[in-house]
Amino acid sequence: MHHMFGYVTPCKMELKIKDYEKFKSYYCGLCREIKKSYGNIPRITLNYDMTFLSILLDSLSLGRTTYKTGICLVHPNKKRTYIHNSNAIEYAAFCNVILAYYKLKDDKQDNKSIKSYFYSNLIGFYINKGNKSFSYVAEYIEKRLTDLYNLEKNNNNLSIDELSDPFSQITGFILSSYIDFIQVSSKERTKQNLFNLGYNLGKWIYIIDAYDDLYEDMKKNKFNPLEKAYNVNKLNFNAFRPEIADNVDFILTNCASSCLENLDKLPITKNEDLLQNILQLGLMEKMNTVYKRSEQNEKSI
């Protein structure tokens, strides 16, 4: 598993100021929630994808969002507004810490580094402090990540769809399982749409991450899903990247537009503009950034 997180962000240039402030207050709320439920150390694992998760899920709840203002340890010079007392944020904090834990565990198996061993044991200790009703989500994540680990170690020919499936299932499951904890209209349909949105977003994250890491992975001779799926002729990076660029773009664009389609089917009660911005413009902007980086790598060889 790569770093895989932090790709789902708003397109800041196109955001209204109030929506940007809103995004930040979810981010701060998530950070505080992680501290409250799991302590200070796991705050280092905070990421934007989980901020998106909390915004999306909070947008399904009928209750009003409560904001608070307080001093933030990281930026002590000014007060920050943050979202307070939200189920969605509690759930996103849990998912954030769980995924970080398994990722560190995975890194540990890969490189046995003392640092990641220390962190994963520590965060493992924190997870046990979390909300017990979320435990089946943790079990599911562990099961699927084990599948992913085994697939990546497997020597057979595998398609990119097969390789990306476990991580896509995880994101689909995380999003749709939230419905079990709240009241929502047309439960089954909402659950299905959330799963589809999550599945496509997970696939998007898995593949854009693989594309972003392709140069480094090929240089260091490390596993990369795109290389495993497409590089039959064992081409070098310079020959291989242009060969898959259109294909990668096609898959990512499709995943992104499926996310948007499924968002439109959800009974959203708030944050509509912000969510549209992230899934429509944010994903595209990130794709362009990654494509440019990738071409830059090719020129640098």
C-alpha atoms as a PDB file:
ATOM      1  CA  MET A   1       0.000   0.000   0.000  1.00  0.00           C
ATOM      2  CA  HIS A   2       1.307   3.462  -0.855  1.00  0.00           C
ATOM      3  CA  HIS A   3       0.652   6.651   1.082  1.00  0.00           C
ATOM      4  CA  MET A   4      -2.675   6.781  -0.771  1.00  0.00           C
ATOM      5  CA  PHE A   5      -4.200   9.684   1.145  1.00  0.00           C
ATOM      6  CA  GLY A   6      -4.632  13.397   0.721  1.00  0.00           C
ATOM      7  CA  TYR A   7      -5.819  13.526  -2.897  1.00  0.00           C
ATOM      8  CA  VAL A   8      -9.435  14.532  -2.249  1.00  0.00           C
ATOM      9  CA  THR A   9      -9.371  18.292  -1.773  1.00  0.00           C
ATOM     10  CA  PRO A  10     -11.463  21.286  -2.849  1.00  0.00           C
ATOM     11  CA  CYS A  11     -10.479  23.427  -5.796  1.00  0.00           C
ATOM     12  CA  LYS A  12      -9.694  26.511  -3.748  1.00  0.00           C
ATOM     13  CA  MET A  13      -9.751  29.060  -6.587  1.00  0.00           C
ATOM     14  CA  GLU A  14     -13.369  28.235  -7.373  1.00  0.00           C
ATOM     15  CA  LEU A  15     -14.635  28.118  -3.792  1.00  0.00           C
ATOM     16  CA  LYS A  16     -16.684  30.819  -2.145  1.00  0.00           C
ATOM     17  CA  ILE A  17     -14.938  32.163   0.946  1.00  0.00           C
ATOM     18  CA  LYS A  18     -17.681  30.817   3.223  1.00  0.00           C
ATOM     19  CA  ASP A  19     -17.266  27.335   1.769  1.00  0.00           C
ATOM     20  CA  TYR A  20     -13.532  27.452   2.217  1.00  0.00           C
ATOM     21  CA  GLU A  21     -14.061  28.475   5.843  1.00  0.00           C
ATOM     22  CA  LYS A  22     -16.526  25.622   6.181  1.00  0.00           C
ATOM     23  CA  PHE A  23     -13.988  23.139   4.812  1.00  0.00           C
ATOM     24  CA  LYS A  24     -11.434  24.375   7.336  1.00  0.00           C
ATOM     25  CA  SER A  25     -13.877  24.072  10.221  1.00  0.00           C
ATOM     26  CA  TYR A  26     -14.543  20.424   9.340  1.00  0.00           C
ATOM     27  CA  TYR A  27     -10.796  19.850   9.145  1.00  0.00           C
ATOM     28  CA  CYS A  28     -10.267  21.459  12.578  1.00  0.00           C
ATOM     29  CA  GLY A  29     -13.265  19.607  14.001  1.00  0.00           C
ATOM     30  CA  LEU A  30     -11.826  16.319  12.798  1.00  0.00           C
ATOM     31  CA  CYS A  31      -8.446  17.121  14.310  1.00  0.00           C
ATOM     32  CA  ARG A  32     -10.013  17.933  17.682  1.00  0.00           C
ATOM     33  CA  GLU A  33     -12.162  14.820  17.573  1.00  0.00           C
ATOM     34  CA  ILE A  34      -9.109  12.641  16.938  1.00  0.00           C
ATOM     35  CA  LYS A  35      -7.438  14.242  19.938  1.00  0.00           C
ATOM     36  CA  LYS A  36     -10.537  13.811  22.102  1.00  0.00           C
ATOM     37  CA  SER A  37     -11.138  10.157  21.218  1.00  0.00           C
ATOM     38  CA  TYR A  38      -7.636   8.883  20.566  1.00  0.00           C
ATOM     39  CA  GLY A  39      -5.183  11.332  22.088  1.00  0.00           C
ATOM     40  CA  ASN A  40      -2.591  13.669  20.613  1.00  0.00           C
ATOM     41  CA  ILE A  41      -0.257  11.352  18.719  1.00  0.00           C
ATOM     42  CA  PRO A  42      -2.780  10.091  16.126  1.00  0.00           C
ATOM     43  CA  ARG A  43      -3.490  13.675  15.076  1.00  0.00           C
ATOM     44  CA  ILE A  44      -0.451  13.412  12.809  1.00  0.00           C
ATOM     45  CA  THR A  45      -2.470  11.027  10.653  1.00  0.00           C
ATOM     46  CA  LEU A  46      -5.185  13.585   9.870  1.00  0.00           C
ATOM     47  CA  ASN A  47      -5.867  13.861   6.131  1.00  0.00           C
ATOM     48  CA  TYR A  48      -8.062  15.664   3.609  1.00  0.00           C
ATOM     49  CA  ASP A  49      -9.820  12.560   2.332  1.00  0.00           C
ATOM     50  CA  MET A  50     -11.271  12.016   5.789  1.00  0.00           C
ATOM     51  CA  THR A  51     -12.279  15.666   5.930  1.00  0.00           C
ATOM     52  CA  PHE A  52     -14.278  15.087   2.744  1.00  0.00           C
ATOM     53  CA  LEU A  53     -15.792  11.990   4.361  1.00  0.00           C
ATOM     54  CA  SER A  54     -16.959  13.978   7.379  1.00  0.00           C
ATOM     55  CA  ILE A  55     -18.450  16.748   5.203  1.00  0.00           C
ATOM     56  CA  LEU A  56     -20.307  14.287   2.982  1.00  0.00           C
ATOM     57  CA  LEU A  57     -21.700  12.231   5.859  1.00  0.00           C
ATOM     58  CA  ASP A  58     -22.600  15.259   7.958  1.00  0.00           C
ATOM     59  CA  SER A  59     -24.536  16.564   4.956  1.00  0.00           C
ATOM     60  CA  LEU A  60     -26.944  13.632   5.290  1.00  0.00           C
ATOM     61  CA  SER A  61     -27.878  14.371   8.872  1.00  0.00           C
ATOM     62  CA  LEU A  62     -30.963  16.400   9.582  1.00  0.00           C
ATOM     63  CA  GLY A  63     -29.603  18.116  12.689  1.00  0.00           C
ATOM     64  CA  ARG A  64     -28.049  21.548  12.530  1.00  0.00           C
ATOM     65  CA  THR A  65     -24.281  21.815  12.473  1.00  0.00           C
ATOM     66  CA  THR A  66     -22.855  23.350  15.641  1.00  0.00           C
ATOM     67  CA  TYR A  67     -19.774  25.498  15.371  1.00  0.00           C
ATOM     68  CA  LYS A  68     -17.429  26.469  18.170  1.00  0.00           C
ATOM     69  CA  THR A  69     -14.409  28.710  18.293  1.00  0.00           C
ATOM     70  CA  GLY A  70     -11.260  27.886  20.173  1.00  0.00           C
ATOM     71  CA  ILE A  71      -7.497  28.091  20.272  1.00  0.00           C
ATOM     72  CA  CYS A  72      -5.711  25.509  18.168  1.00  0.00           C
ATOM     73  CA  LEU A  73      -2.408  24.055  19.401  1.00  0.00           C
ATOM     74  CA  VAL A  74      -0.927  24.002  15.927  1.00  0.00           C
ATOM     75  CA  HIS A  75      -1.815  27.629  15.190  1.00  0.00           C
ATOM     76  CA  PRO A  76      -1.994  29.159  18.678  1.00  0.00           C
ATOM     77  CA  ASN A  77      -1.857  32.756  17.452  1.00  0.00           C
ATOM     78  CA  LYS A  78      -5.470  32.881  16.342  1.00  0.00           C
ATOM     79  CA  LYS A  79      -8.792  31.320  17.176  1.00  0.00           C
ATOM     80  CA  ARG A  80     -10.207  28.691  14.870  1.00  0.00           C
ATOM     81  CA  THR A  81     -13.808  27.844  14.182  1.00  0.00           C
ATOM     82  CA  TYR A  82     -14.533  24.148  14.178  1.00  0.00           C
ATOM     83  CA  ILE A  83     -17.475  21.792  13.877  1.00  0.00           C
ATOM     84  CA  HIS A  84     -18.490  20.445  17.238  1.00  0.00           C
ATOM     85  CA  ASN A  85     -20.443  17.385  18.386  1.00  0.00           C
ATOM     86  CA  SER A  86     -21.077  15.763  15.045  1.00  0.00           C
ATOM     87  CA  ASN A  87     -21.673  12.029  14.551  1.00  0.00           C
ATOM     88  CA  ALA A  88     -20.065  12.274  11.151  1.00  0.00           C
ATOM     89  CA  ILE A  89     -16.891  13.736  12.582  1.00  0.00           C
ATOM     90  CA  GLU A  90     -16.694  11.097  15.300  1.00  0.00           C
ATOM     91  CA  TYR A  91     -17.065   8.403  12.638  1.00  0.00           C
ATOM     92  CA  ALA A  92     -14.563  10.026  10.265  1.00  0.00           C
ATOM     93  CA  ALA A  93     -12.031  10.351  13.108  1.00  0.00           C
ATOM     94  CA  PHE A  94     -12.400   6.645  13.791  1.00  0.00           C
ATOM     95  CA  CYS A  95     -11.952   5.737  10.102  1.00  0.00           C
ATOM     96  CA  ASN A  96      -8.970   8.066   9.861  1.00  0.00           C
ATOM     97  CA  VAL A  97      -7.178   6.421  12.778  1.00  0.00           C
ATOM     98  CA  ILE A  98      -8.075   2.865  11.687  1.00  0.00           C
ATOM     99  CA  LEU A  99      -6.809   3.352   8.127  1.00  0.00           C
ATOM    100  CA  ALA A 100      -3.647   5.026   9.392  1.00  0.00           C
ATOM    101  CA  TYR A 101      -3.087   2.134  11.757  1.00  0.00           C
ATOM    102  CA  TYR A 102      -3.405  -0.527   9.063  1.00  0.00           C
ATOM    103  CA  LYS A 103      -1.315   1.491   6.669  1.00  0.00           C
ATOM    104  CA  LEU A 104       1.461   1.702   9.257  1.00  0.00           C
ATOM    105  CA  LYS A 105       1.092  -1.995   9.967  1.00  0.00           C
ATOM    106  CA  ASP A 106       1.461  -2.593   6.241  1.00  0.00           C
ATOM    107  CA  ASP A 107       4.560  -0.371   6.025  1.00  0.00           C
ATOM    108  CA  LYS A 108       5.914  -2.323   8.953  1.00  0.00           C
ATOM    109  CA  GLN A 109       5.561  -5.608   7.059  1.00  0.00           C
ATOM    110  CA  ASP A 110       7.215  -3.997   4.061  1.00  0.00           C
ATOM    111  CA  ASN A 111      10.216  -2.357   5.617  1.00  0.00           C
ATOM    112  CA  LYS A 112      10.243  -3.350   9.280  1.00  0.00           C
ATOM    113  CA  SER A 113      11.156   0.187  10.242  1.00  0.00           C
ATOM    114  CA  ILE A 114      11.277   0.887  13.961  1.00  0.00           C
ATOM    115  CA  LYS A 115       9.394   4.144  13.557  1.00  0.00           C
ATOM    116  CA  SER A 116       6.329   2.655  11.908  1.00  0.00           C
ATOM    117  CA  TYR A 117       6.400  -0.232  14.396  1.00  0.00           C
ATOM    118  CA  PHE A 118       6.329   2.264  17.246  1.00  0.00           C
ATOM    119  CA  TYR A 119       3.469   4.227  15.681  1.00  0.00           C
ATOM    120  CA  SER A 120       1.317   1.277  14.727  1.00  0.00           C
ATOM    121  CA  ASN A 121       1.526  -0.237  18.196  1.00  0.00           C
ATOM    122  CA  LEU A 122       0.769   3.107  19.713  1.00  0.00           C
ATOM    123  CA  ILE A 123      -2.163   3.818  17.435  1.00  0.00           C
ATOM    124  CA  GLY A 124      -3.341   0.247  17.959  1.00  0.00           C
ATOM    125  CA  PHE A 125      -3.550   1.083  21.639  1.00  0.00           C
ATOM    126  CA  TYR A 126      -5.595   4.196  20.850  1.00  0.00           C
ATOM    127  CA  ILE A 127      -8.046   2.356  18.616  1.00  0.00           C
ATOM    128  CA  ASN A 128      -9.181   0.294  21.569  1.00  0.00           C
ATOM    129  CA  LYS A 129     -10.299   3.520  23.213  1.00  0.00           C
ATOM    130  CA  GLY A 130     -12.663   4.363  20.339  1.00  0.00           C
ATOM    131  CA  ASN A 131     -16.404   3.903  19.929  1.00  0.00           C
ATOM    132  CA  LYS A 132     -17.133   0.180  20.244  1.00  0.00           C
ATOM    133  CA  SER A 133     -20.125   0.282  17.903  1.00  0.00           C
ATOM    134  CA  PHE A 134     -17.715   0.974  15.027  1.00  0.00           C
ATOM    135  CA  SER A 135     -15.766  -2.226  15.602  1.00  0.00           C
ATOM    136  CA  TYR A 136     -17.350  -4.187  12.729  1.00  0.00           C
ATOM    137  CA  VAL A 137     -16.148  -1.459  10.365  1.00  0.00           C
ATOM    138  CA  ALA A 138     -12.614  -1.995  11.652  1.00  0.00           C
ATOM    139  CA  GLU A 139     -12.905  -5.752  11.136  1.00  0.00           C
ATOM    140  CA  TYR A 140     -14.135  -5.263   7.586  1.00  0.00           C
ATOM    141  CA  ILE A 141     -11.279  -2.873   6.782  1.00  0.00           C
ATOM    142  CA  GLU A 142      -8.726  -5.316   8.141  1.00  0.00           C
ATOM    143  CA  LYS A 143     -10.173  -8.166   6.072  1.00  0.00           C
ATOM    144  CA  ARG A 144     -10.135  -6.177   2.836  1.00  0.00           C
ATOM    145  CA  LEU A 145      -6.664  -4.771   3.427  1.00  0.00           C
ATOM    146  CA  THR A 146      -5.419  -8.315   3.909  1.00  0.00           C
ATOM    147  CA  ASP A 147      -7.009  -9.168   0.533  1.00  0.00           C
ATOM    148  CA  LEU A 148      -5.216  -6.204  -1.000  1.00  0.00           C
ATOM    149  CA  TYR A 149      -1.920  -7.217   0.545  1.00  0.00           C
ATOM    150  CA  ASN A 150      -2.283 -10.758  -0.811  1.00  0.00           C
ATOM    151  CA  LEU A 151      -3.275  -9.529  -4.284  1.00  0.00           C
ATOM    152  CA  GLU A 152      -0.257  -7.261  -4.456  1.00  0.00           C
ATOM    153  CA  LYS A 153       1.999 -10.171  -3.493  1.00  0.00           C
ATOM    154  CA  ASN A 154       0.293 -12.484  -6.015  1.00  0.00           C
ATOM    155  CA  ASN A 155       2.263 -13.431  -9.143  1.00  0.00           C
ATOM    156  CA  ASN A 156      -0.624 -13.946 -11.544  1.00  0.00           C
ATOM    157  CA  ASN A 157      -1.706 -11.467 -14.195  1.00  0.00           C
ATOM    158  CA  LEU A 158      -4.234  -9.164 -12.602  1.00  0.00           C
ATOM    159  CA  SER A 159      -6.210  -6.317 -14.123  1.00  0.00           C
ATOM    160  CA  ILE A 160      -6.285  -2.859 -12.598  1.00  0.00           C
ATOM    161  CA  ASP A 161      -9.961  -3.468 -11.732  1.00  0.00           C
ATOM    162  CA  GLU A 162      -9.031  -6.544  -9.693  1.00  0.00           C
ATOM    163  CA  LEU A 163      -6.128  -4.810  -7.975  1.00  0.00           C
ATOM    164  CA  SER A 164      -8.121  -1.719  -7.035  1.00  0.00           C
ATOM    165  CA  ASP A 165     -11.175  -3.678  -5.863  1.00  0.00           C
ATOM    166  CA  PRO A 166     -10.292  -4.225  -2.159  1.00  0.00           C
ATOM    167  CA  PHE A 167      -9.513  -0.564  -1.504  1.00  0.00           C
ATOM    168  CA  SER A 168     -12.620   0.505  -3.466  1.00  0.00           C
ATOM    169  CA  GLN A 169     -14.720  -1.906  -1.400  1.00  0.00           C
ATOM    170  CA  ILE A 170     -13.293  -0.369   1.765  1.00  0.00           C
ATOM    171  CA  THR A 171     -14.238   3.182   0.823  1.00  0.00           C
ATOM    172  CA  GLY A 172     -17.666   2.022  -0.363  1.00  0.00           C
ATOM    173  CA  PHE A 173     -18.207   0.177   2.901  1.00  0.00           C
ATOM    174  CA  ILE A 174     -17.009   3.058   5.066  1.00  0.00           C
ATOM    175  CA  LEU A 175     -19.376   5.510   3.405  1.00  0.00           C
ATOM    176  CA  SER A 176     -22.418   3.249   3.282  1.00  0.00           C
ATOM    177  CA  SER A 177     -22.014   1.826   6.814  1.00  0.00           C
ATOM    178  CA  TYR A 178     -22.467   5.267   8.289  1.00  0.00           C
ATOM    179  CA  ILE A 179     -26.169   4.936   7.500  1.00  0.00           C
ATOM    180  CA  ASP A 180     -26.407   2.344  10.288  1.00  0.00           C
ATOM    181  CA  PHE A 181     -25.694   5.087  12.833  1.00  0.00           C
ATOM    182  CA  ILE A 182     -28.141   7.799  11.736  1.00  0.00           C
ATOM    183  CA  GLN A 183     -31.732   8.408  10.687  1.00  0.00           C
ATOM    184  CA  VAL A 184     -32.008   9.041   6.976  1.00  0.00           C
ATOM    185  CA  SER A 185     -34.752   9.018   4.366  1.00  0.00           C
ATOM    186  CA  SER A 186     -34.968   6.055   1.931  1.00  0.00           C
ATOM    187  CA  LYS A 187     -32.278   4.125   3.781  1.00  0.00           C
ATOM    188  CA  GLU A 188     -31.560   1.300   1.317  1.00  0.00           C
ATOM    189  CA  ARG A 189     -31.287   3.541  -1.729  1.00  0.00           C
ATOM    190  CA  THR A 190     -29.123   6.048   0.115  1.00  0.00           C
ATOM    191  CA  LYS A 191     -26.893   3.227   1.317  1.00  0.00           C
ATOM    192  CA  GLN A 192     -26.464   1.931  -2.249  1.00  0.00           C
ATOM    193  CA  ASN A 193     -25.665   5.392  -3.645  1.00  0.00           C
ATOM    194  CA  LEU A 194     -23.170   6.013  -0.868  1.00  0.00           C
ATOM    195  CA  PHE A 195     -21.536   2.671  -1.567  1.00  0.00           C
ATOM    196  CA  ASN A 196     -21.268   3.472  -5.290  1.00  0.00           C
ATOM    197  CA  LEU A 197     -19.841   6.912  -4.584  1.00  0.00           C
ATOM    198  CA  GLY A 198     -17.334   5.423  -2.142  1.00  0.00           C
ATOM    199  CA  TYR A 199     -16.391   2.579  -4.456  1.00  0.00           C
ATOM    200  CA  ASN A 200     -15.619   4.943  -7.325  1.00  0.00           C
ATOM    201  CA  LEU A 201     -13.787   7.370  -5.070  1.00  0.00           C
ATOM    202  CA  GLY A 202     -11.689   4.530  -3.646  1.00  0.00           C
ATOM    203  CA  LYS A 203     -10.809   3.361  -7.122  1.00  0.00           C
ATOM    204  CA  TRP A 204      -9.929   6.918  -8.122  1.00  0.00           C
ATOM    205  CA  ILE A 205      -7.662   7.313  -5.068  1.00  0.00           C
ATOM    206  CA  TYR A 206      -5.976   3.944  -5.587  1.00  0.00           C
ATOM    207  CA  ILE A 207      -5.216   4.614  -9.253  1.00  0.00           C
ATOM    208  CA  ILE A 208      -4.190   8.264  -9.037  1.00  0.00           C
ATOM    209  CA  ASP A 209      -1.878   7.331  -6.191  1.00  0.00           C
ATOM    210  CA  ALA A 210      -0.339   4.524  -8.265  1.00  0.00           C
ATOM    211  CA  TYR A 211       0.161   6.906 -11.200  1.00  0.00           C
ATOM    212  CA  ASP A 212       1.688   9.553  -8.960  1.00  0.00           C
ATOM    213  CA  ASP A 213       4.130   7.010  -7.507  1.00  0.00           C
ATOM    214  CA  LEU A 214       4.923   5.235 -10.771  1.00  0.00           C
ATOM    215  CA  TYR A 215       8.237   6.960 -11.403  1.00  0.00           C
ATOM    216  CA  GLU A 216       9.581   6.386  -7.881  1.00  0.00           C
ATOM    217  CA  ASP A 217       8.282   2.820  -7.741  1.00  0.00           C
ATOM    218  CA  MET A 218       9.846   1.886 -11.065  1.00  0.00           C
ATOM    219  CA  LYS A 219      13.111   3.546 -10.090  1.00  0.00           C
ATOM    220  CA  LYS A 220      13.236   1.631  -6.796  1.00  0.00           C
ATOM    221  CA  ASN A 221      11.828  -1.541  -8.314  1.00  0.00           C
ATOM    222  CA  LYS A 222       8.856  -1.481  -5.932  1.00  0.00           C
ATOM    223  CA  PHE A 223       5.386  -2.874  -6.536  1.00  0.00           C
ATOM    224  CA  ASN A 224       3.036  -0.592  -8.477  1.00  0.00           C
ATOM    225  CA  PRO A 225      -0.501  -1.659  -9.485  1.00  0.00           C
ATOM    226  CA  LEU A 226      -0.334   0.067 -12.875  1.00  0.00           C
ATOM    227  CA  GLU A 227       2.919  -1.588 -13.734  1.00  0.00           C
ATOM    228  CA  LYS A 228       1.598  -4.953 -12.605  1.00  0.00           C
ATOM    229  CA  ALA A 229      -1.576  -4.590 -14.648  1.00  0.00           C
ATOM    230  CA  TYR A 230      -0.196  -3.054 -17.848  1.00  0.00           C
ATOM    231  CA  ASN A 231       3.543  -3.434 -18.212  1.00  0.00           C
ATOM    232  CA  VAL A 232       3.568  -6.773 -20.016  1.00  0.00           C
ATOM    233  CA  ASN A 233       6.570  -5.869 -22.167  1.00  0.00           C
ATOM    234  CA  LYS A 234       8.670  -4.703 -19.196  1.00  0.00           C
ATOM    235  CA  LEU A 235       9.128  -1.224 -20.656  1.00  0.00           C
ATOM    236  CA  ASN A 236      11.038   1.459 -18.768  1.00  0.00           C
ATOM    237  CA  PHE A 237       9.202   4.466 -17.272  1.00  0.00           C
ATOM    238  CA  ASN A 238       9.783   6.685 -20.308  1.00  0.00           C
ATOM    239  CA  ALA A 239       8.242   4.224 -22.721  1.00  0.00           C
ATOM    240  CA  PHE A 240       5.600   2.940 -20.337  1.00  0.00           C
ATOM    241  CA  ARG A 241       4.053   6.164 -19.022  1.00  0.00           C
ATOM    242  CA  PRO A 242       2.894   7.558 -22.396  1.00  0.00           C
ATOM    243  CA  GLU A 243       1.479   4.138 -23.233  1.00  0.00           C
ATOM    244  CA  ILE A 244      -0.877   4.132 -20.237  1.00  0.00           C
ATOM    245  CA  ALA A 245      -1.548   7.875 -19.839  1.00  0.00           C
ATOM    246  CA  ASP A 246      -4.801   7.900 -21.853  1.00  0.00           C
ATOM    247  CA  ASN A 247      -6.052   4.774 -20.189  1.00  0.00           C
ATOM    248  CA  VAL A 248      -5.398   6.152 -16.717  1.00  0.00           C
ATOM    249  CA  ASP A 249      -7.111   9.403 -17.645  1.00  0.00           C
ATOM    250  CA  PHE A 250     -10.124   7.494 -18.970  1.00  0.00           C
ATOM    251  CA  ILE A 251     -10.524   5.443 -15.777  1.00  0.00           C
ATOM    252  CA  LEU A 252     -10.019   8.420 -13.450  1.00  0.00           C
ATOM    253  CA  THR A 253     -12.442  10.623 -15.376  1.00  0.00           C
ATOM    254  CA  ASN A 254     -15.065   7.868 -15.303  1.00  0.00           C
ATOM    255  CA  CYS A 255     -14.648   7.306 -11.577  1.00  0.00           C
ATOM    256  CA  ALA A 256     -14.887  11.033 -10.899  1.00  0.00           C
ATOM    257  CA  SER A 257     -18.066  11.427 -12.930  1.00  0.00           C
ATOM    258  CA  SER A 258     -19.641   8.398 -11.188  1.00  0.00           C
ATOM    259  CA  CYS A 259     -18.885  10.042  -7.852  1.00  0.00           C
ATOM    260  CA  LEU A 260     -20.699  13.150  -8.987  1.00  0.00           C
ATOM    261  CA  GLU A 261     -23.675  11.191 -10.359  1.00  0.00           C
ATOM    262  CA  ASN A 262     -24.093   9.380  -7.069  1.00  0.00           C
ATOM    263  CA  LEU A 263     -23.732  12.584  -5.083  1.00  0.00           C
ATOM    264  CA  ASP A 264     -26.690  13.995  -7.024  1.00  0.00           C
ATOM    265  CA  LYS A 265     -28.860  11.061  -5.906  1.00  0.00           C
ATOM    266  CA  LEU A 266     -28.186  11.563  -2.202  1.00  0.00           C
ATOM    267  CA  PRO A 267     -30.638  13.307   0.154  1.00  0.00           C
ATOM    268  CA  ILE A 268     -28.168  16.083   0.952  1.00  0.00           C
ATOM    269  CA  THR A 269     -29.338  18.690   3.469  1.00  0.00           C
ATOM    270  CA  LYS A 270     -26.325  21.056   3.464  1.00  0.00           C
ATOM    271  CA  ASN A 271     -22.812  21.741   2.095  1.00  0.00           C
ATOM    272  CA  GLU A 272     -24.005  21.152  -1.465  1.00  0.00           C
ATOM    273  CA  ASP A 273     -21.694  23.687  -3.163  1.00  0.00           C
ATOM    274  CA  LEU A 274     -18.669  22.484  -1.233  1.00  0.00           C
ATOM    275  CA  LEU A 275     -19.296  18.822  -2.104  1.00  0.00           C
ATOM    276  CA  GLN A 276     -19.897  19.673  -5.768  1.00  0.00           C
ATOM    277  CA  ASN A 277     -16.667  21.647  -5.804  1.00  0.00           C
ATOM    278  CA  ILE A 278     -14.614  18.770  -4.357  1.00  0.00           C
ATOM    279  CA  LEU A 279     -16.013  16.032  -6.593  1.00  0.00           C
ATOM    280  CA  GLN A 280     -16.265  18.084  -9.749  1.00  0.00           C
ATOM    281  CA  LEU A 281     -13.380  20.533  -9.729  1.00  0.00           C
ATOM    282  CA  GLY A 282     -11.149  19.258  -6.917  1.00  0.00           C
ATOM    283  CA  LEU A 283     -10.658  15.801  -8.416  1.00  0.00           C
ATOM    284  CA  MET A 284      -9.972  17.228 -11.875  1.00  0.00           C
ATOM    285  CA  GLU A 285      -7.508  19.763 -10.522  1.00  0.00           C
ATOM    286  CA  LYS A 286      -5.658  17.002  -8.659  1.00  0.00           C
ATOM    287  CA  MET A 287      -5.539  14.872 -11.808  1.00  0.00           C
ATOM    288  CA  ASN A 288      -3.945  17.710 -13.756  1.00  0.00           C
ATOM    289  CA  THR A 289      -1.358  18.253 -11.018  1.00  0.00           C
ATOM    290  CA  VAL A 290      -0.429  14.573 -10.992  1.00  0.00           C
ATOM    291  CA  TYR A 291      -0.270  14.401 -14.806  1.00  0.00           C
ATOM    292  CA  LYS A 292       2.100  17.373 -14.881  1.00  0.00           C
ATOM    293  CA  ARG A 293       4.301  15.848 -12.183  1.00  0.00           C
ATOM    294  CA  SER A 294       4.410  12.614 -14.108  1.00  0.00           C
ATOM    295  CA  GLU A 295       5.463  14.323 -17.343  1.00  0.00           C
ATOM    296  CA  GLN A 296       8.065  16.292 -15.409  1.00  0.00           C
ATOM    297  CA  ASN A 297       9.561  13.019 -14.166  1.00  0.00           C
ATOM    298  CA  GLU A 298       9.800  11.770 -17.723  1.00  0.00           C
ATOM    299  CA  LYS A 299      11.670  14.887 -18.851  1.00  0.00           C
ATOM    300  CA  SER A 300      14.059  14.673 -15.922  1.00  0.00           C
ATOM    301  CA  ILE A 301      15.436  11.294 -16.961  1.00  0.00           C
END
